[in-house]
Amino acid sequence: MRNVSSVVSVLALVGLTAATACAPADETAPGSSTAAASAAQCTKDSLPTLKKGSIAFGTDQPAYPPWFVDDDPSNGKGFESAVAYAVAGKLGYAREDVTWVRVPFNAAIAPGPKTFDANLNEFSITDDRKQAVDFSSPYFNVTQAVVALKSSPAAGVKDVAGLKGLKLGAQVGTTSYTAAKAVDPDVAVFNNNDDAKAALSNGQIDALVLDLPTAFQVQAELADGVIVGQLPAGDEKAEQFGIVLDKDSPLTACVSKAVDDLGNDGELFKLQKTWLTGAGNAPVLS
């Protein structure tokens, strides 16, 4: 969902295997400059990184949990930090071969040369962004969820039909807004999630629709917040996070191959369980 605002989030993985599984490895890597890469091409000695023998990852500052921990991407803690080191390992780079640079979110996806080889910062893969940058194969699928206060009539809802007639809210211009509008055509629109959270707290809306990672963070920030559940996937293509690279980067195919391999061998799912678990359960609303 992330556009220009930072996603501060915690995701519960209990019961969410299908929702958060890595995309199939045989899909063509979005934004990839080549269709495939061989193992021989994807080695530390062969890859034309910015600095020979090392790979530079970028992310924003601050970098938030659960994607990063203690605003220190180099510690390997947090889902995206762990994915970066896992990708580096697949390409033959040792931990000490990995460096990090800080790049504002919007600057990372703007046209022009990059100060990084690859960037992880909860970047949703979109056609518009692919005009300016490359994306790796997706490493995370995002779902939409509903947050309410325990005192709200939305708190006890068990299915989408139960949300009908309730006042929903969402941030303008996001996939959350699209999902909310499909349920409530008169959804309340807010410029940012802080405004939406305030509206939920003071009773202007009954429930708030957010991407699931952000939903768990908002729930934790509210004194009596509750995750009502996930909205079922609609007809639109699933929102997915991908690693950003320079447009037509010679590294794109190899980074995609590394992500695909991590998905195939189950490592991505293990990393999800390690870093994206613990905030609670989020059932899928029928």
C-alpha atoms as a PDB file:
ATOM      1  CA  MET A   1       0.000   0.000   0.000  1.00  0.00           C
ATOM      2  CA  ARG A   2       2.843   2.329   0.794  1.00  0.00           C
ATOM      3  CA  ASN A   3       2.832   5.497  -1.317  1.00  0.00           C
ATOM      4  CA  VAL A   4       4.753   8.338   0.367  1.00  0.00           C
ATOM      5  CA  SER A   5       4.059   7.511   4.005  1.00  0.00           C
ATOM      6  CA  SER A   6       6.166   5.093   6.050  1.00  0.00           C
ATOM      7  CA  VAL A   7       4.539   1.799   6.868  1.00  0.00           C
ATOM      8  CA  VAL A   8       5.056   1.057  10.550  1.00  0.00           C
ATOM      9  CA  SER A   9       3.753  -2.443  11.047  1.00  0.00           C
ATOM     10  CA  VAL A  10       3.552  -5.794  12.747  1.00  0.00           C
ATOM     11  CA  LEU A  11       1.988  -8.779  11.029  1.00  0.00           C
ATOM     12  CA  ALA A  12       0.551 -11.927  12.568  1.00  0.00           C
ATOM     13  CA  LEU A  13       1.174 -14.995  10.464  1.00  0.00           C
ATOM     14  CA  VAL A  14      -1.112 -17.372  12.383  1.00  0.00           C
ATOM     15  CA  GLY A  15      -3.538 -18.812   9.872  1.00  0.00           C
ATOM     16  CA  LEU A  16      -2.153 -16.657   7.065  1.00  0.00           C
ATOM     17  CA  THR A  17       0.021 -19.082   5.128  1.00  0.00           C
ATOM     18  CA  ALA A  18      -1.907 -18.661   1.889  1.00  0.00           C
ATOM     19  CA  ALA A  19      -2.166 -14.915   2.250  1.00  0.00           C
ATOM     20  CA  THR A  20       1.526 -14.284   2.830  1.00  0.00           C
ATOM     21  CA  ALA A  21       3.161 -17.025   0.805  1.00  0.00           C
ATOM     22  CA  CYS A  22       5.791 -16.065  -1.712  1.00  0.00           C
ATOM     23  CA  ALA A  23       4.551 -15.711  -5.246  1.00  0.00           C
ATOM     24  CA  PRO A  24       5.179 -18.793  -7.418  1.00  0.00           C
ATOM     25  CA  ALA A  25       8.769 -18.934  -8.579  1.00  0.00           C
ATOM     26  CA  ASP A  26       7.854 -19.624 -12.200  1.00  0.00           C
ATOM     27  CA  GLU A  27       6.220 -16.213 -12.610  1.00  0.00           C
ATOM     28  CA  THR A  28       8.135 -13.743 -14.758  1.00  0.00           C
ATOM     29  CA  ALA A  29       9.900 -11.279 -12.497  1.00  0.00           C
ATOM     30  CA  PRO A  30       8.100  -7.919 -12.682  1.00  0.00           C
ATOM     31  CA  GLY A  31      10.277  -5.227 -14.197  1.00  0.00           C
ATOM     32  CA  SER A  32      12.997  -7.721 -14.945  1.00  0.00           C
ATOM     33  CA  SER A  33      15.364  -6.699 -17.715  1.00  0.00           C
ATOM     34  CA  THR A  34      15.988 -10.322 -18.662  1.00  0.00           C
ATOM     35  CA  ALA A  35      13.682 -13.280 -18.499  1.00  0.00           C
ATOM     36  CA  ALA A  36      16.010 -15.618 -16.632  1.00  0.00           C
ATOM     37  CA  ALA A  37      19.463 -15.899 -15.147  1.00  0.00           C
ATOM     38  CA  SER A  38      21.754 -18.894 -14.831  1.00  0.00           C
ATOM     39  CA  ALA A  39      23.498 -19.878 -11.624  1.00  0.00           C
ATOM     40  CA  ALA A  40      26.853 -19.186 -13.292  1.00  0.00           C
ATOM     41  CA  GLN A  41      25.854 -15.588 -14.015  1.00  0.00           C
ATOM     42  CA  CYS A  42      24.593 -14.984 -10.483  1.00  0.00           C
ATOM     43  CA  THR A  43      27.779 -15.185  -8.464  1.00  0.00           C
ATOM     44  CA  LYS A  44      29.754 -12.678  -6.450  1.00  0.00           C
ATOM     45  CA  ASP A  45      32.568 -12.719  -9.011  1.00  0.00           C
ATOM     46  CA  SER A  46      30.237 -12.225 -11.973  1.00  0.00           C
ATOM     47  CA  LEU A  47      27.763  -9.605 -10.766  1.00  0.00           C
ATOM     48  CA  PRO A  48      28.448  -5.982 -11.796  1.00  0.00           C
ATOM     49  CA  THR A  49      27.567  -4.375  -8.460  1.00  0.00           C
ATOM     50  CA  LEU A  50      28.474  -0.769  -7.675  1.00  0.00           C
ATOM     51  CA  LYS A  51      31.547  -2.006  -5.814  1.00  0.00           C
ATOM     52  CA  LYS A  52      33.141  -5.234  -6.982  1.00  0.00           C
ATOM     53  CA  GLY A  53      32.904  -7.983  -4.387  1.00  0.00           C
ATOM     54  CA  SER A  54      30.176  -6.354  -2.298  1.00  0.00           C
ATOM     55  CA  ILE A  55      26.479  -5.606  -2.621  1.00  0.00           C
ATOM     56  CA  ALA A  56      24.841  -2.384  -1.411  1.00  0.00           C
ATOM     57  CA  PHE A  57      21.265  -2.505  -0.148  1.00  0.00           C
ATOM     58  CA  GLY A  58      19.214   0.610   0.397  1.00  0.00           C
ATOM     59  CA  THR A  59      16.319   1.466   2.690  1.00  0.00           C
ATOM     60  CA  ASP A  60      14.709   4.559   4.181  1.00  0.00           C
ATOM     61  CA  GLN A  61      15.488   6.219   7.507  1.00  0.00           C
ATOM     62  CA  PRO A  62      13.969   5.573   9.907  1.00  0.00           C
ATOM     63  CA  ALA A  63      13.449   1.906   9.062  1.00  0.00           C
ATOM     64  CA  TYR A  64      10.543   0.484  11.022  1.00  0.00           C
ATOM     65  CA  PRO A  65       9.745  -2.869  12.621  1.00  0.00           C
ATOM     66  CA  PRO A  66       8.870  -5.557  11.819  1.00  0.00           C
ATOM     67  CA  TRP A  67      10.734  -4.922   8.554  1.00  0.00           C
ATOM     68  CA  PHE A  68      13.830  -3.680  10.411  1.00  0.00           C
ATOM     69  CA  VAL A  69      14.728  -3.591  14.106  1.00  0.00           C
ATOM     70  CA  ASP A  70      16.239  -0.665  16.039  1.00  0.00           C
ATOM     71  CA  ASP A  71      16.497   1.343  12.801  1.00  0.00           C
ATOM     72  CA  ASP A  72      19.617  -0.689  12.006  1.00  0.00           C
ATOM     73  CA  PRO A  73      19.301  -2.643   8.744  1.00  0.00           C
ATOM     74  CA  SER A  74      22.811  -4.038   9.134  1.00  0.00           C
ATOM     75  CA  ASN A  75      21.894  -6.122  12.181  1.00  0.00           C
ATOM     76  CA  GLY A  76      19.979  -8.663  10.093  1.00  0.00           C
ATOM     77  CA  LYS A  77      16.938  -8.330  12.329  1.00  0.00           C
ATOM     78  CA  GLY A  78      13.487  -7.711  10.896  1.00  0.00           C
ATOM     79  CA  PHE A  79      11.871  -9.311   7.869  1.00  0.00           C
ATOM     80  CA  GLU A  80      13.305  -7.127   5.100  1.00  0.00           C
ATOM     81  CA  SER A  81      16.774  -6.996   6.620  1.00  0.00           C
ATOM     82  CA  ALA A  82      16.729 -10.788   6.887  1.00  0.00           C
ATOM     83  CA  VAL A  83      15.494 -11.116   3.292  1.00  0.00           C
ATOM     84  CA  ALA A  84      18.306  -8.843   2.089  1.00  0.00           C
ATOM     85  CA  TYR A  85      20.959 -10.978   3.760  1.00  0.00           C
ATOM     86  CA  ALA A  86      19.303 -14.152   2.485  1.00  0.00           C
ATOM     87  CA  VAL A  87      19.311 -12.791  -1.080  1.00  0.00           C
ATOM     88  CA  ALA A  88      22.948 -11.777  -0.672  1.00  0.00           C
ATOM     89  CA  GLY A  89      23.766 -15.280   0.521  1.00  0.00           C
ATOM     90  CA  LYS A  90      22.092 -16.848  -2.495  1.00  0.00           C
ATOM     91  CA  LEU A  91      24.306 -14.669  -4.689  1.00  0.00           C
ATOM     92  CA  GLY A  92      27.469 -15.706  -2.879  1.00  0.00           C
ATOM     93  CA  TYR A  93      27.990 -12.665  -0.673  1.00  0.00           C
ATOM     94  CA  ALA A  94      29.041 -13.148   2.946  1.00  0.00           C
ATOM     95  CA  ARG A  95      27.527 -10.966   5.646  1.00  0.00           C
ATOM     96  CA  GLU A  96      30.601  -8.738   5.666  1.00  0.00           C
ATOM     97  CA  ASP A  97      30.173  -8.173   1.916  1.00  0.00           C
ATOM     98  CA  VAL A  98      26.839  -6.409   2.491  1.00  0.00           C
ATOM     99  CA  THR A  99      26.651  -2.633   2.949  1.00  0.00           C
ATOM    100  CA  TRP A 100      23.660  -0.362   3.529  1.00  0.00           C
ATOM    101  CA  VAL A 101      22.772   3.133   2.331  1.00  0.00           C
ATOM    102  CA  ARG A 102      19.828   5.284   3.359  1.00  0.00           C
ATOM    103  CA  VAL A 103      17.574   6.534   0.580  1.00  0.00           C
ATOM    104  CA  PRO A 104      14.217   8.323   1.016  1.00  0.00           C
ATOM    105  CA  PHE A 105      11.288   6.225  -0.184  1.00  0.00           C
ATOM    106  CA  ASN A 106      10.308   8.448  -3.107  1.00  0.00           C
ATOM    107  CA  ALA A 107      13.909   8.982  -4.212  1.00  0.00           C
ATOM    108  CA  ALA A 108      14.443   5.246  -4.439  1.00  0.00           C
ATOM    109  CA  ILE A 109      11.694   4.824  -7.027  1.00  0.00           C
ATOM    110  CA  ALA A 110      12.440   8.002  -8.981  1.00  0.00           C
ATOM    111  CA  PRO A 111      14.158   7.784 -12.381  1.00  0.00           C
ATOM    112  CA  GLY A 112      17.916   8.085 -12.487  1.00  0.00           C
ATOM    113  CA  PRO A 113      21.084   6.353 -11.296  1.00  0.00           C
ATOM    114  CA  LYS A 114      20.977   4.731  -7.859  1.00  0.00           C
ATOM    115  CA  THR A 115      23.347   4.759  -4.909  1.00  0.00           C
ATOM    116  CA  PHE A 116      22.343   1.179  -4.133  1.00  0.00           C
ATOM    117  CA  ASP A 117      22.362  -2.147  -5.940  1.00  0.00           C
ATOM    118  CA  ALA A 118      18.989  -3.203  -4.494  1.00  0.00           C
ATOM    119  CA  ASN A 119      16.486  -1.591  -2.133  1.00  0.00           C
ATOM    120  CA  LEU A 120      13.932  -3.079   0.285  1.00  0.00           C
ATOM    121  CA  ASN A 121      11.411  -0.653   1.753  1.00  0.00           C
ATOM    122  CA  GLU A 122       7.928  -2.194   1.440  1.00  0.00           C
ATOM    123  CA  PHE A 123       7.736  -1.150  -2.203  1.00  0.00           C
ATOM    124  CA  SER A 124       4.495  -2.275  -3.824  1.00  0.00           C
ATOM    125  CA  ILE A 125       5.028  -3.408  -7.398  1.00  0.00           C
ATOM    126  CA  THR A 126       3.031  -1.182  -9.763  1.00  0.00           C
ATOM    127  CA  ASP A 127       3.046  -0.584 -13.503  1.00  0.00           C
ATOM    128  CA  ASP A 128       3.704   3.127 -12.985  1.00  0.00           C
ATOM    129  CA  ARG A 129       6.759   2.484 -10.857  1.00  0.00           C
ATOM    130  CA  LYS A 130       8.066  -0.052 -13.357  1.00  0.00           C
ATOM    131  CA  GLN A 131       8.456   2.810 -15.830  1.00  0.00           C
ATOM    132  CA  ALA A 132      11.247   4.215 -13.652  1.00  0.00           C
ATOM    133  CA  VAL A 133      12.786   1.234 -11.848  1.00  0.00           C
ATOM    134  CA  ASP A 134      13.069  -2.534 -11.970  1.00  0.00           C
ATOM    135  CA  PHE A 135      11.442  -4.853  -9.446  1.00  0.00           C
ATOM    136  CA  SER A 136      12.534  -8.308  -8.406  1.00  0.00           C
ATOM    137  CA  SER A 137      10.126 -11.187  -8.119  1.00  0.00           C
ATOM    138  CA  PRO A 138       7.736 -10.465  -5.235  1.00  0.00           C
ATOM    139  CA  TYR A 139       8.837 -11.550  -1.782  1.00  0.00           C
ATOM    140  CA  PHE A 140       5.636 -10.657   0.102  1.00  0.00           C
ATOM    141  CA  ASN A 141       1.895 -10.608  -0.664  1.00  0.00           C
ATOM    142  CA  VAL A 142      -0.211  -7.979   1.095  1.00  0.00           C
ATOM    143  CA  THR A 143      -3.826  -8.350   2.227  1.00  0.00           C
ATOM    144  CA  GLN A 144      -6.274  -5.748   3.541  1.00  0.00           C
ATOM    145  CA  ALA A 145      -7.681  -5.841   7.064  1.00  0.00           C
ATOM    146  CA  VAL A 146     -10.308  -4.104   9.188  1.00  0.00           C
ATOM    147  CA  VAL A 147      -9.445  -2.477  12.534  1.00  0.00           C
ATOM    148  CA  ALA A 148     -12.016  -1.328  15.089  1.00  0.00           C
ATOM    149  CA  LEU A 149     -12.339  -0.434  18.745  1.00  0.00           C
ATOM    150  CA  LYS A 150     -13.700  -3.145  21.026  1.00  0.00           C
ATOM    151  CA  SER A 151     -16.649  -0.859  21.750  1.00  0.00           C
ATOM    152  CA  SER A 152     -17.481  -0.441  18.045  1.00  0.00           C
ATOM    153  CA  PRO A 153     -20.358  -2.335  16.392  1.00  0.00           C
ATOM    154  CA  ALA A 154     -17.735  -3.530  13.899  1.00  0.00           C
ATOM    155  CA  ALA A 155     -15.793  -5.419  16.569  1.00  0.00           C
ATOM    156  CA  GLY A 156     -18.074  -8.444  16.537  1.00  0.00           C
ATOM    157  CA  VAL A 157     -18.433  -8.730  12.771  1.00  0.00           C
ATOM    158  CA  LYS A 158     -17.669 -12.177  11.352  1.00  0.00           C
ATOM    159  CA  ASP A 159     -18.226 -11.618   7.630  1.00  0.00           C
ATOM    160  CA  VAL A 160     -18.198  -8.888   5.006  1.00  0.00           C
ATOM    161  CA  ALA A 161     -21.979  -8.669   5.062  1.00  0.00           C
ATOM    162  CA  GLY A 162     -21.734  -7.616   8.698  1.00  0.00           C
ATOM    163  CA  LEU A 163     -19.782  -4.532   7.660  1.00  0.00           C
ATOM    164  CA  LYS A 164     -22.619  -3.306   5.454  1.00  0.00           C
ATOM    165  CA  GLY A 165     -24.238  -0.259   6.973  1.00  0.00           C
ATOM    166  CA  LEU A 166     -21.211   0.571   9.099  1.00  0.00           C
ATOM    167  CA  LYS A 167     -19.043   3.606   8.452  1.00  0.00           C
ATOM    168  CA  LEU A 168     -15.612   2.635   7.140  1.00  0.00           C
ATOM    169  CA  GLY A 169     -12.575   4.828   6.667  1.00  0.00           C
ATOM    170  CA  ALA A 170      -9.329   4.582   4.681  1.00  0.00           C
ATOM    171  CA  GLN A 171      -6.403   6.641   3.432  1.00  0.00           C
ATOM    172  CA  VAL A 172      -6.953   8.295   0.079  1.00  0.00           C
ATOM    173  CA  GLY A 173      -5.231   6.872  -2.990  1.00  0.00           C
ATOM    174  CA  THR A 174      -4.396   3.508  -1.471  1.00  0.00           C
ATOM    175  CA  THR A 175      -5.377  -0.079  -2.136  1.00  0.00           C
ATOM    176  CA  SER A 176      -7.022   0.020   1.292  1.00  0.00           C
ATOM    177  CA  TYR A 177      -9.369   2.725   0.033  1.00  0.00           C
ATOM    178  CA  THR A 178     -10.257   0.602  -2.995  1.00  0.00           C
ATOM    179  CA  ALA A 179     -11.018  -2.376  -0.758  1.00  0.00           C
ATOM    180  CA  ALA A 180     -13.066  -0.264   1.663  1.00  0.00           C
ATOM    181  CA  LYS A 181     -15.082   1.364  -1.130  1.00  0.00           C
ATOM    182  CA  ALA A 182     -16.088  -2.070  -2.404  1.00  0.00           C
ATOM    183  CA  VAL A 183     -17.777  -2.645   0.966  1.00  0.00           C
ATOM    184  CA  ASP A 184     -18.913   0.900   1.788  1.00  0.00           C
ATOM    185  CA  PRO A 185     -19.410   3.189  -1.253  1.00  0.00           C
ATOM    186  CA  ASP A 186     -19.515   6.157   1.135  1.00  0.00           C
ATOM    187  CA  VAL A 187     -16.213   5.310   2.807  1.00  0.00           C
ATOM    188  CA  ALA A 188     -14.682   8.229   4.706  1.00  0.00           C
ATOM    189  CA  VAL A 189     -11.424   9.401   3.130  1.00  0.00           C
ATOM    190  CA  PHE A 190      -8.408  10.649   5.071  1.00  0.00           C
ATOM    191  CA  ASN A 191      -5.130  12.192   3.977  1.00  0.00           C
ATOM    192  CA  ASN A 192      -3.084   9.831   6.126  1.00  0.00           C
ATOM    193  CA  ASN A 193      -3.483   6.959   8.548  1.00  0.00           C
ATOM    194  CA  ASP A 194      -2.910   9.164  11.600  1.00  0.00           C
ATOM    195  CA  ASP A 195      -6.007  11.190  10.712  1.00  0.00           C
ATOM    196  CA  ALA A 196      -7.941   7.990  10.067  1.00  0.00           C
ATOM    197  CA  LYS A 197      -6.869   6.521  13.404  1.00  0.00           C
ATOM    198  CA  ALA A 198      -7.980   9.700  15.182  1.00  0.00           C
ATOM    199  CA  ALA A 199     -11.375   9.461  13.475  1.00  0.00           C
ATOM    200  CA  LEU A 200     -11.693   5.876  14.659  1.00  0.00           C
ATOM    201  CA  SER A 201     -10.768   6.839  18.210  1.00  0.00           C
ATOM    202  CA  ASN A 202     -13.337   9.648  18.417  1.00  0.00           C
ATOM    203  CA  GLY A 203     -16.152   7.644  16.846  1.00  0.00           C
ATOM    204  CA  GLN A 204     -16.370   9.363  13.466  1.00  0.00           C
ATOM    205  CA  ILE A 205     -16.009   5.983  11.801  1.00  0.00           C
ATOM    206  CA  ASP A 206     -16.829   2.448  12.954  1.00  0.00           C
ATOM    207  CA  ALA A 207     -13.807   0.743  11.429  1.00  0.00           C
ATOM    208  CA  LEU A 208     -10.653   1.464   9.486  1.00  0.00           C
ATOM    209  CA  VAL A 209      -9.317  -0.474   6.498  1.00  0.00           C
ATOM    210  CA  LEU A 210      -5.530  -0.836   6.265  1.00  0.00           C
ATOM    211  CA  ASP A 211      -3.014  -3.201   4.780  1.00  0.00           C
ATOM    212  CA  LEU A 212      -2.549  -6.038   7.253  1.00  0.00           C
ATOM    213  CA  PRO A 213       0.937  -5.097   8.474  1.00  0.00           C
ATOM    214  CA  THR A 214      -0.161  -1.538   9.233  1.00  0.00           C
ATOM    215  CA  ALA A 215      -3.395  -2.816  10.769  1.00  0.00           C
ATOM    216  CA  PHE A 216      -1.495  -4.681  13.450  1.00  0.00           C
ATOM    217  CA  GLN A 217       0.571  -1.620  14.302  1.00  0.00           C
ATOM    218  CA  VAL A 218      -2.541   0.566  14.540  1.00  0.00           C
ATOM    219  CA  GLN A 219      -4.218  -2.050  16.703  1.00  0.00           C
ATOM    220  CA  ALA A 220      -1.230  -1.971  19.053  1.00  0.00           C
ATOM    221  CA  GLU A 221      -1.307   1.820  19.231  1.00  0.00           C
ATOM    222  CA  LEU A 222      -4.989   1.942  20.185  1.00  0.00           C
ATOM    223  CA  ALA A 223      -5.899   1.404  23.828  1.00  0.00           C
ATOM    224  CA  ASP A 224      -8.663  -1.065  22.954  1.00  0.00           C
ATOM    225  CA  GLY A 225      -8.069  -1.790  19.288  1.00  0.00           C
ATOM    226  CA  VAL A 226      -8.994  -5.083  17.677  1.00  0.00           C
ATOM    227  CA  ILE A 227      -8.370  -6.692  14.299  1.00  0.00           C
ATOM    228  CA  VAL A 228     -11.835  -7.585  12.999  1.00  0.00           C
ATOM    229  CA  GLY A 229     -10.347  -9.655  10.190  1.00  0.00           C
ATOM    230  CA  GLN A 230      -8.935  -9.687   6.701  1.00  0.00           C
ATOM    231  CA  LEU A 231     -11.013  -8.762   3.711  1.00  0.00           C
ATOM    232  CA  PRO A 232     -11.189 -11.536   1.113  1.00  0.00           C
ATOM    233  CA  ALA A 233      -9.138 -10.960  -2.008  1.00  0.00           C
ATOM    234  CA  GLY A 234     -11.064  -9.117  -4.687  1.00  0.00           C
ATOM    235  CA  ASP A 235     -10.768  -9.270  -8.453  1.00  0.00           C
ATOM    236  CA  GLU A 236      -7.802  -6.949  -8.511  1.00  0.00           C
ATOM    237  CA  LYS A 237      -4.282  -8.315  -8.751  1.00  0.00           C
ATOM    238  CA  ALA A 238      -2.756  -9.013  -5.353  1.00  0.00           C
ATOM    239  CA  GLU A 239      -0.566  -6.256  -3.958  1.00  0.00           C
ATOM    240  CA  GLN A 240       3.026  -7.481  -3.673  1.00  0.00           C
ATOM    241  CA  PHE A 241       6.303  -6.116  -2.349  1.00  0.00           C
ATOM    242  CA  GLY A 242       9.388  -6.354  -4.557  1.00  0.00           C
ATOM    243  CA  ILE A 243      13.036  -5.359  -4.313  1.00  0.00           C
ATOM    244  CA  VAL A 244      13.775  -2.157  -6.264  1.00  0.00           C
ATOM    245  CA  LEU A 245      16.736  -1.942  -8.651  1.00  0.00           C
ATOM    246  CA  ASP A 246      17.882   0.593 -11.203  1.00  0.00           C
ATOM    247  CA  LYS A 247      15.929   0.538 -14.456  1.00  0.00           C
ATOM    248  CA  ASP A 248      17.238  -2.231 -16.730  1.00  0.00           C
ATOM    249  CA  SER A 249      19.745  -3.223 -14.070  1.00  0.00           C
ATOM    250  CA  PRO A 250      21.970  -6.176 -15.025  1.00  0.00           C
ATOM    251  CA  LEU A 251      21.329  -7.441 -11.486  1.00  0.00           C
ATOM    252  CA  THR A 252      17.541  -7.719 -11.728  1.00  0.00           C
ATOM    253  CA  ALA A 253      17.324 -11.243 -13.103  1.00  0.00           C
ATOM    254  CA  CYS A 254      19.804 -12.595 -10.571  1.00  0.00           C
ATOM    255  CA  VAL A 255      18.097 -10.882  -7.627  1.00  0.00           C
ATOM    256  CA  SER A 256      14.778 -12.277  -8.856  1.00  0.00           C
ATOM    257  CA  LYS A 257      16.313 -15.730  -9.112  1.00  0.00           C
ATOM    258  CA  ALA A 258      17.554 -15.432  -5.532  1.00  0.00           C
ATOM    259  CA  VAL A 259      14.068 -14.425  -4.313  1.00  0.00           C
ATOM    260  CA  ASP A 260      12.490 -17.294  -6.260  1.00  0.00           C
ATOM    261  CA  ASP A 261      14.984 -19.767  -4.809  1.00  0.00           C
ATOM    262  CA  LEU A 262      14.251 -18.519  -1.293  1.00  0.00           C
ATOM    263  CA  GLY A 263      10.557 -19.057  -1.947  1.00  0.00           C
ATOM    264  CA  ASN A 264      11.073 -22.516  -3.420  1.00  0.00           C
ATOM    265  CA  ASP A 265      13.184 -23.785  -0.542  1.00  0.00           C
ATOM    266  CA  GLY A 266      10.795 -22.416   2.096  1.00  0.00           C
ATOM    267  CA  GLU A 267      13.206 -19.827   3.468  1.00  0.00           C
ATOM    268  CA  LEU A 268      10.904 -16.870   2.833  1.00  0.00           C
ATOM    269  CA  PHE A 269       8.150 -18.531   4.822  1.00  0.00           C
ATOM    270  CA  LYS A 270      10.573 -19.264   7.676  1.00  0.00           C
ATOM    271  CA  LEU A 271      11.603 -15.624   7.732  1.00  0.00           C
ATOM    272  CA  GLN A 272       7.954 -14.567   7.812  1.00  0.00           C
ATOM    273  CA  LYS A 273       7.322 -16.809  10.802  1.00  0.00           C
ATOM    274  CA  THR A 274      10.417 -15.459  12.552  1.00  0.00           C
ATOM    275  CA  TRP A 275       9.842 -11.746  12.039  1.00  0.00           C
ATOM    276  CA  LEU A 276       6.177 -11.237  11.167  1.00  0.00           C
ATOM    277  CA  THR A 277       4.516 -13.276  13.905  1.00  0.00           C
ATOM    278  CA  GLY A 278       3.300 -12.233  17.289  1.00  0.00           C
ATOM    279  CA  ALA A 279       0.686  -9.524  17.087  1.00  0.00           C
ATOM    280  CA  GLY A 280      -2.389 -11.739  17.174  1.00  0.00           C
ATOM    281  CA  ASN A 281      -4.773 -13.556  14.863  1.00  0.00           C
ATOM    282  CA  ALA A 282      -6.567 -12.056  11.887  1.00  0.00           C
ATOM    283  CA  PRO A 283      -9.283 -14.306  10.502  1.00  0.00           C
ATOM    284  CA  VAL A 284     -10.444 -13.936   6.915  1.00  0.00           C
ATOM    285  CA  LEU A 285     -13.929 -12.454   6.761  1.00  0.00           C
ATOM    286  CA  SER A 286     -16.176 -14.669   4.657  1.00  0.00           C
END
